[in-house]
Amino acid sequence: MDGQSLERLGHHIVSRRVALGYRNRTDFANSLQFTVRTLSDIENGVRKASPGTYAMLENKLGWAPGSIETILSGGEPKELVVKLRRDVPEPRHRSFTTDDALADASTEELLLELRRRIIRPRNRRRDTWDDWDDGLEPQGYWPEEK
């Protein structure tokens, strides 16, 4: 095995990693529980890795077993069907149903409803001592009821 074969393998790994949504090496290395240095050496064609490391890479990249050996001997990897990684995790629970009125409302309607709820008339009866709208007078006394 020569250096060109290892460089070719590294190129394939980087291309597939990016296609799967792993834009940086660190995230991909962490997902494999590799050190960034190990992954860097493999991607740059600096060294050959163990069969176990190659098996983990094949699995994570969605390649059929033996694809790395095929690449090293001049062939192309056989890709398996794999779900692409998402940058934003999917929510675990939906907080609303699809027939919910808020889900179907436009942004403008939502903003108008929010404004209506914030700026509602303040002519309610004051029930408690801390329910005064204006607070204390500048001199520190409570305002007299009107």
C-alpha atoms as a PDB file:
ATOM      1  CA  MET A   1       0.000   0.000   0.000  1.00  0.00           C
ATOM      2  CA  ASP A   2       1.427   3.364  -1.002  1.00  0.00           C
ATOM      3  CA  GLY A   3       0.869   6.932   0.139  1.00  0.00           C
ATOM      4  CA  GLN A   4      -1.376   7.706  -2.830  1.00  0.00           C
ATOM      5  CA  SER A   5      -3.819   4.991  -1.781  1.00  0.00           C
ATOM      6  CA  LEU A   6      -4.005   6.419   1.739  1.00  0.00           C
ATOM      7  CA  GLU A   7      -4.505   9.949   0.367  1.00  0.00           C
ATOM      8  CA  ARG A   8      -7.256   8.672  -1.923  1.00  0.00           C
ATOM      9  CA  LEU A   9      -8.939   6.996   1.048  1.00  0.00           C
ATOM     10  CA  GLY A  10      -8.672  10.221   3.044  1.00  0.00           C
ATOM     11  CA  HIS A  11     -10.293  12.175   0.223  1.00  0.00           C
ATOM     12  CA  HIS A  12     -13.201   9.710   0.093  1.00  0.00           C
ATOM     13  CA  ILE A  13     -13.661   9.878   3.874  1.00  0.00           C
ATOM     14  CA  VAL A  14     -13.697  13.692   3.921  1.00  0.00           C
ATOM     15  CA  SER A  15     -16.150  13.842   1.013  1.00  0.00           C
ATOM     16  CA  ARG A  16     -18.526  11.371   2.625  1.00  0.00           C
ATOM     17  CA  ARG A  17     -18.221  13.013   6.069  1.00  0.00           C
ATOM     18  CA  VAL A  18     -19.212  16.402   4.634  1.00  0.00           C
ATOM     19  CA  ALA A  19     -22.026  14.834   2.587  1.00  0.00           C
ATOM     20  CA  LEU A  20     -23.430  13.352   5.797  1.00  0.00           C
ATOM     21  CA  GLY A  21     -23.507  16.796   7.416  1.00  0.00           C
ATOM     22  CA  TYR A  22     -20.348  16.646   9.541  1.00  0.00           C
ATOM     23  CA  ARG A  23     -18.671  19.856   8.423  1.00  0.00           C
ATOM     24  CA  ASN A  24     -15.874  19.734  10.942  1.00  0.00           C
ATOM     25  CA  ARG A  25     -13.573  16.930  11.900  1.00  0.00           C
ATOM     26  CA  THR A  26     -14.057  17.367  15.653  1.00  0.00           C
ATOM     27  CA  ASP A  27     -17.779  16.549  15.638  1.00  0.00           C
ATOM     28  CA  PHE A  28     -17.212  13.498  13.471  1.00  0.00           C
ATOM     29  CA  ALA A  29     -14.298  12.257  15.599  1.00  0.00           C
ATOM     30  CA  ASN A  30     -16.397  12.669  18.755  1.00  0.00           C
ATOM     31  CA  SER A  31     -19.272  10.714  17.216  1.00  0.00           C
ATOM     32  CA  LEU A  32     -16.852   7.853  16.537  1.00  0.00           C
ATOM     33  CA  GLN A  33     -15.073   8.216  19.873  1.00  0.00           C
ATOM     34  CA  PHE A  34     -11.801   8.770  18.001  1.00  0.00           C
ATOM     35  CA  THR A  35      -9.255  11.413  18.829  1.00  0.00           C
ATOM     36  CA  VAL A  36      -9.195  14.286  16.384  1.00  0.00           C
ATOM     37  CA  ARG A  37      -5.543  13.438  15.706  1.00  0.00           C
ATOM     38  CA  THR A  38      -6.393   9.880  14.643  1.00  0.00           C
ATOM     39  CA  LEU A  39      -9.114  11.055  12.290  1.00  0.00           C
ATOM     40  CA  SER A  40      -6.848  13.803  10.954  1.00  0.00           C
ATOM     41  CA  ASP A  41      -4.085  11.312  10.184  1.00  0.00           C
ATOM     42  CA  ILE A  42      -6.517   9.021   8.352  1.00  0.00           C
ATOM     43  CA  GLU A  43      -8.111  11.871   6.381  1.00  0.00           C
ATOM     44  CA  ASN A  44      -4.727  13.303   5.408  1.00  0.00           C
ATOM     45  CA  GLY A  45      -3.367   9.905   4.361  1.00  0.00           C
ATOM     46  CA  VAL A  46      -0.578   9.982   6.932  1.00  0.00           C
ATOM     47  CA  ARG A  47      -1.083   6.505   8.355  1.00  0.00           C
ATOM     48  CA  LYS A  48      -3.007   3.281   7.953  1.00  0.00           C
ATOM     49  CA  ALA A  49      -5.447   2.447  10.733  1.00  0.00           C
ATOM     50  CA  SER A  50      -6.414  -0.877  12.281  1.00  0.00           C
ATOM     51  CA  PRO A  51      -9.142  -3.073  10.785  1.00  0.00           C
ATOM     52  CA  GLY A  52     -11.390  -2.220  13.763  1.00  0.00           C
ATOM     53  CA  THR A  53     -10.981   1.500  13.156  1.00  0.00           C
ATOM     54  CA  TYR A  54     -11.767   1.026   9.479  1.00  0.00           C
ATOM     55  CA  ALA A  55     -14.851  -1.018  10.375  1.00  0.00           C
ATOM     56  CA  MET A  56     -16.124   1.772  12.629  1.00  0.00           C
ATOM     57  CA  LEU A  57     -15.492   4.329   9.869  1.00  0.00           C
ATOM     58  CA  GLU A  58     -17.320   2.220   7.293  1.00  0.00           C
ATOM     59  CA  ASN A  59     -20.280   1.856   9.604  1.00  0.00           C
ATOM     60  CA  LYS A  60     -20.469   5.576  10.434  1.00  0.00           C
ATOM     61  CA  LEU A  61     -20.014   6.635   6.811  1.00  0.00           C
ATOM     62  CA  GLY A  62     -22.707   4.246   5.620  1.00  0.00           C
ATOM     63  CA  TRP A  63     -20.366   2.134   3.529  1.00  0.00           C
ATOM     64  CA  ALA A  64     -20.626  -1.610   3.075  1.00  0.00           C
ATOM     65  CA  PRO A  65     -18.048  -3.697   4.963  1.00  0.00           C
ATOM     66  CA  GLY A  66     -14.825  -3.941   2.972  1.00  0.00           C
ATOM     67  CA  SER A  67     -15.318  -0.613   1.207  1.00  0.00           C
ATOM     68  CA  ILE A  68     -12.136   0.872   2.654  1.00  0.00           C
ATOM     69  CA  GLU A  69     -10.067  -2.046   1.361  1.00  0.00           C
ATOM     70  CA  THR A  70     -11.747  -1.553  -2.021  1.00  0.00           C
ATOM     71  CA  ILE A  71     -10.787   2.137  -2.005  1.00  0.00           C
ATOM     72  CA  LEU A  72      -7.195   1.293  -1.021  1.00  0.00           C
ATOM     73  CA  SER A  73      -6.969  -1.105  -3.972  1.00  0.00           C
ATOM     74  CA  GLY A  74      -8.263   1.535  -6.412  1.00  0.00           C
ATOM     75  CA  GLY A  75     -12.011   0.922  -6.380  1.00  0.00           C
ATOM     76  CA  GLU A  76     -15.009   2.895  -5.156  1.00  0.00           C
ATOM     77  CA  PRO A  77     -16.902   2.400  -1.878  1.00  0.00           C
ATOM     78  CA  LYS A  78     -20.331   0.788  -1.866  1.00  0.00           C
ATOM     79  CA  GLU A  79     -22.713   3.148  -0.100  1.00  0.00           C
ATOM     80  CA  LEU A  80     -25.553   1.822   1.987  1.00  0.00           C
ATOM     81  CA  VAL A  81     -28.774   3.746   2.514  1.00  0.00           C
ATOM     82  CA  VAL A  82     -28.184   6.004   5.490  1.00  0.00           C
ATOM     83  CA  LYS A  83     -30.175   8.793   7.125  1.00  0.00           C
ATOM     84  CA  LEU A  84     -28.320  12.081   6.829  1.00  0.00           C
ATOM     85  CA  ARG A  85     -27.335  13.878  10.019  1.00  0.00           C
ATOM     86  CA  ARG A  86     -29.337  16.969  10.880  1.00  0.00           C
ATOM     87  CA  ASP A  87     -27.718  20.074  12.332  1.00  0.00           C
ATOM     88  CA  VAL A  88     -30.833  20.795  14.355  1.00  0.00           C
ATOM     89  CA  PRO A  89     -32.094  17.903  16.463  1.00  0.00           C
ATOM     90  CA  GLU A  90     -35.673  16.880  15.923  1.00  0.00           C
ATOM     91  CA  PRO A  91     -37.998  17.788  18.801  1.00  0.00           C
ATOM     92  CA  ARG A  92     -38.812  14.906  21.121  1.00  0.00           C
ATOM     93  CA  HIS A  93     -42.384  15.996  21.717  1.00  0.00           C
ATOM     94  CA  ARG A  94     -44.644  18.215  19.696  1.00  0.00           C
ATOM     95  CA  SER A  95     -46.108  20.934  21.870  1.00  0.00           C
ATOM     96  CA  PHE A  96     -49.106  21.535  19.625  1.00  0.00           C
ATOM     97  CA  THR A  97     -51.291  19.653  17.233  1.00  0.00           C
ATOM     98  CA  THR A  98     -51.470  20.474  13.555  1.00  0.00           C
ATOM     99  CA  ASP A  99     -55.076  21.650  13.880  1.00  0.00           C
ATOM    100  CA  ASP A 100     -54.095  24.155  16.577  1.00  0.00           C
ATOM    101  CA  ALA A 101     -55.213  27.693  15.689  1.00  0.00           C
ATOM    102  CA  LEU A 102     -51.844  29.194  16.609  1.00  0.00           C
ATOM    103  CA  ALA A 103     -50.013  26.797  14.314  1.00  0.00           C
ATOM    104  CA  ASP A 104     -52.107  27.948  11.351  1.00  0.00           C
ATOM    105  CA  ALA A 105     -51.953  31.671  12.153  1.00  0.00           C
ATOM    106  CA  SER A 106     -49.717  34.008  10.218  1.00  0.00           C
ATOM    107  CA  THR A 107     -46.923  35.921  11.907  1.00  0.00           C
ATOM    108  CA  GLU A 108     -48.905  39.142  11.581  1.00  0.00           C
ATOM    109  CA  GLU A 109     -51.942  37.589  13.273  1.00  0.00           C
ATOM    110  CA  LEU A 110     -49.779  36.266  16.104  1.00  0.00           C
ATOM    111  CA  LEU A 111     -48.177  39.667  16.656  1.00  0.00           C
ATOM    112  CA  LEU A 112     -51.576  41.395  16.688  1.00  0.00           C
ATOM    113  CA  GLU A 113     -52.883  38.892  19.246  1.00  0.00           C
ATOM    114  CA  LEU A 114     -49.802  39.392  21.408  1.00  0.00           C
ATOM    115  CA  ARG A 115     -50.243  43.168  21.214  1.00  0.00           C
ATOM    116  CA  ARG A 116     -53.926  42.840  22.149  1.00  0.00           C
ATOM    117  CA  ARG A 117     -53.025  40.745  25.187  1.00  0.00           C
ATOM    118  CA  ILE A 118     -50.281  43.093  26.361  1.00  0.00           C
ATOM    119  CA  ILE A 119     -52.136  46.372  25.865  1.00  0.00           C
ATOM    120  CA  ARG A 120     -55.513  45.619  27.382  1.00  0.00           C
ATOM    121  CA  PRO A 121     -57.586  48.139  29.313  1.00  0.00           C
ATOM    122  CA  ARG A 122     -56.367  48.743  32.853  1.00  0.00           C
ATOM    123  CA  ASN A 123     -59.728  49.656  34.386  1.00  0.00           C
ATOM    124  CA  ARG A 124     -59.918  46.687  36.700  1.00  0.00           C
ATOM    125  CA  ARG A 125     -60.681  46.981  40.394  1.00  0.00           C
ATOM    126  CA  ARG A 126     -57.682  47.068  42.726  1.00  0.00           C
ATOM    127  CA  ASP A 127     -58.042  44.194  45.144  1.00  0.00           C
ATOM    128  CA  THR A 128     -54.751  44.233  47.027  1.00  0.00           C
ATOM    129  CA  TRP A 129     -52.270  46.781  48.290  1.00  0.00           C
ATOM    130  CA  ASP A 130     -49.621  45.762  45.727  1.00  0.00           C
ATOM    131  CA  ASP A 131     -51.999  46.004  42.779  1.00  0.00           C
ATOM    132  CA  TRP A 132     -51.510  49.782  42.304  1.00  0.00           C
ATOM    133  CA  ASP A 133     -50.610  50.791  38.773  1.00  0.00           C
ATOM    134  CA  ASP A 134     -48.416  53.732  39.644  1.00  0.00           C
ATOM    135  CA  GLY A 135     -46.703  52.533  42.815  1.00  0.00           C
ATOM    136  CA  LEU A 136     -45.527  54.974  45.483  1.00  0.00           C
ATOM    137  CA  GLU A 137     -45.704  58.766  45.225  1.00  0.00           C
ATOM    138  CA  PRO A 138     -42.336  60.509  44.736  1.00  0.00           C
ATOM    139  CA  GLN A 139     -42.332  61.381  48.461  1.00  0.00           C
ATOM    140  CA  GLY A 140     -42.613  57.679  49.379  1.00  0.00           C
ATOM    141  CA  TYR A 141     -46.316  57.641  50.333  1.00  0.00           C
ATOM    142  CA  TRP A 142     -49.027  55.459  48.847  1.00  0.00           C
ATOM    143  CA  PRO A 143     -51.315  57.368  46.504  1.00  0.00           C
ATOM    144  CA  GLU A 144     -54.837  57.953  47.799  1.00  0.00           C
ATOM    145  CA  GLU A 145     -57.663  56.021  46.164  1.00  0.00           C
ATOM    146  CA  LYS A 146     -59.701  58.056  43.786  1.00  0.00           C
END
